[in-house]
C-alpha cells in the first residue's frame, strides 16, 4: 500500500486506476498537515459491473481509521447532498463526485470497496 502526498491547493492524487474486487484502493493519500481546515473532492469513475459499496475513512496517523463525513457534490442550481459518514453504493457506470467538507480532521485518507459485483474503479482526490 503506497501513501502518496498531496500538496493541497487543488492538487490531484490518484488513489487507484481500473481497480475491481473487494479491496482497499491501491494508494492512500496524505495531505499536508497545514491544510487541515480545507475541504477535498473525491472523484470516483466507474466502468461496467453491477454494484459496489464504498467506505471513505480518514486517519491522523495512518493506523487508527474512522469513517469520514462526506456529501454528494451539489449540481448546478441543486442543493448539496446530505452529510453522512455511512457507506454508499454505486450501481451505474459514470463519474461521481463526493465532497469532504472543510474542518474535517484527517491527514491520511483511504477508500475501500465491498460487495463489488464487477465494477472497475478509478479514484482521484483533489485536496484544497
Protein backbone atom coordinates (compact mmCIF):
# COMPACT_ATOMS: atom_id res chain seq x y z
CA UNK A 1 0.00 0.00 0.00
CA UNK A 2 1.58 3.24 -1.13
CA UNK A 3 0.99 6.52 0.70
CA UNK A 4 1.07 9.41 -1.74
CA UNK A 5 1.48 13.01 -0.58
CA UNK A 6 -0.92 15.69 -1.77
CA UNK A 7 0.34 19.28 -1.86
CA UNK A 8 -3.12 20.84 -1.49
CA UNK A 9 -4.19 23.96 -3.42
CA UNK A 10 -6.33 21.76 -5.72
CA UNK A 11 -3.63 19.18 -6.44
CA UNK A 12 -4.89 15.78 -7.56
CA UNK A 13 -3.67 12.40 -6.31
CA UNK A 14 -4.62 9.09 -7.94
CA UNK A 15 -5.81 6.51 -5.43
CA UNK A 16 -6.43 3.74 -7.99
CA UNK A 17 -6.97 3.14 -11.70
CA UNK A 18 -9.09 0.33 -13.12
CA UNK A 19 -9.32 -1.49 -9.78
CA UNK A 20 -12.02 -4.06 -9.06
CA UNK A 21 -12.73 -6.52 -6.29
CA UNK A 22 -13.41 -6.18 -2.56
CA UNK A 23 -10.21 -4.38 -1.62
CA UNK A 24 -8.75 -1.10 -0.44
CA UNK A 25 -7.78 1.35 -3.17
CA UNK A 26 -4.19 0.93 -4.33
CA UNK A 27 -2.97 4.18 -2.74
CA UNK A 28 -3.69 6.17 0.39
CA UNK A 29 -3.44 9.96 0.33
CA UNK A 30 -1.51 12.05 2.85
CA UNK A 31 -2.45 15.69 2.84
CA UNK A 32 -0.32 18.49 4.19
CA UNK A 33 -0.85 18.98 7.92
CA UNK A 34 -1.05 22.76 7.44
CA UNK A 35 -4.05 22.28 5.10
CA UNK A 36 -6.21 20.57 7.75
CA UNK A 37 -9.00 23.16 7.66
CA UNK A 38 -9.66 22.79 3.94
CA UNK A 39 -12.06 20.55 2.07
CA UNK A 40 -11.36 17.95 -0.58
CA UNK A 41 -13.11 16.43 -3.59
CA UNK A 42 -13.19 12.72 -4.31
CA UNK A 43 -13.81 11.73 -7.94
CA UNK A 44 -14.97 8.15 -8.49
CA UNK A 45 -15.20 6.93 -12.07
CA UNK A 46 -16.82 3.53 -12.52
CA UNK A 47 -16.87 1.21 -15.52
CA UNK A 48 -19.05 -1.86 -16.19
CA UNK A 49 -20.29 -4.08 -13.37
CA UNK A 50 -23.48 -4.01 -11.33
CA UNK A 51 -22.86 -2.60 -7.86
CA UNK A 52 -20.14 -1.60 -5.39
CA UNK A 53 -20.23 -0.32 -1.81
CA UNK A 54 -17.69 2.31 -0.75
CA UNK A 55 -16.31 3.41 2.60
CA UNK A 56 -14.17 6.56 2.89
CA UNK A 57 -12.01 6.69 6.02
CA UNK A 58 -9.59 9.21 7.46
CA UNK A 59 -6.78 8.88 9.97
CA UNK A 60 -4.48 11.20 11.91
CA UNK A 61 -1.66 8.63 11.97
CA UNK A 62 -2.24 6.05 9.17
CA UNK A 63 -3.10 3.46 11.88
CA UNK A 64 -6.45 4.33 13.50
CA UNK A 65 -9.23 4.86 10.93
CA UNK A 66 -12.67 6.47 11.20
CA UNK A 67 -15.43 6.86 8.60
CA UNK A 68 -15.36 10.36 7.12
CA UNK A 69 -18.42 12.56 6.69
CA UNK A 70 -18.99 13.47 3.05
CA UNK A 71 -21.77 14.52 0.73
CA UNK A 72 -22.65 14.49 -2.94
CA UNK A 73 -21.26 17.49 -4.78
CA UNK A 74 -24.10 19.95 -5.46
CA UNK A 75 -25.19 20.14 -9.09
CA UNK A 76 -25.79 23.44 -10.85
CA UNK A 77 -28.76 25.02 -9.13
CA UNK A 78 -29.30 21.98 -6.91
CA UNK A 79 -28.98 21.61 -3.17
CA UNK A 80 -25.99 19.89 -1.58
CA UNK A 81 -26.31 16.27 -0.60
CA UNK A 82 -26.79 15.15 2.98
CA UNK A 83 -23.62 14.98 5.08
CA UNK A 84 -23.08 11.36 6.18
CA UNK A 85 -20.26 9.04 7.19
CA UNK A 86 -22.17 5.90 6.13
CA UNK A 87 -21.09 3.65 3.29
CA UNK A 88 -22.59 4.47 -0.11
CA UNK A 89 -23.44 2.31 -3.12
CA UNK A 90 -22.86 2.98 -6.81
CA UNK A 91 -24.83 0.97 -9.36
CA UNK A 92 -24.03 2.64 -12.69
CA UNK A 93 -21.04 3.36 -14.87
CA UNK A 94 -20.41 7.11 -14.56
CA UNK A 95 -18.35 9.73 -12.74
CA UNK A 96 -19.37 10.65 -9.20
CA UNK A 97 -18.09 13.49 -7.02
CA UNK A 98 -18.06 13.42 -3.21
CA UNK A 99 -17.24 16.48 -1.12
CA UNK A 100 -15.23 16.08 2.09
CA UNK A 101 -16.15 19.28 3.89
CA UNK A 102 -13.98 21.91 5.49
CA UNK A 103 -12.72 21.36 9.05
CA UNK A 104 -12.83 17.55 8.98
CA UNK A 105 -9.56 16.50 10.68
CA UNK A 106 -7.76 13.87 8.63
CA UNK A 107 -4.21 13.65 7.34
CA UNK A 108 -4.46 10.21 5.67
CA UNK A 109 -7.40 9.07 3.54
CA UNK A 110 -8.33 5.65 2.15
CA UNK A 111 -11.26 4.18 0.23
CA UNK A 112 -12.35 0.55 0.49
CA UNK A 113 -14.68 -1.42 -1.78
CA UNK A 114 -17.04 -4.21 -0.68
CA UNK A 115 -19.94 -6.15 -2.18
CA UNK A 116 -18.38 -5.39 -5.56
CA UNK A 117 -20.01 -7.25 -8.42
CA UNK A 118 -17.78 -6.38 -11.34
CA UNK A 119 -17.41 -2.60 -11.05
CA UNK A 120 -13.99 -1.25 -12.01
CA UNK A 121 -12.98 1.92 -10.14
CA UNK A 122 -10.70 4.86 -10.80
CA UNK A 123 -10.46 7.26 -7.87
CA UNK A 124 -8.72 10.63 -7.60
CA UNK A 125 -8.60 13.01 -4.64
CA UNK A 126 -8.28 16.78 -5.06
CA UNK A 127 -7.28 18.46 -1.79
CA UNK A 128 -7.53 22.20 -1.12
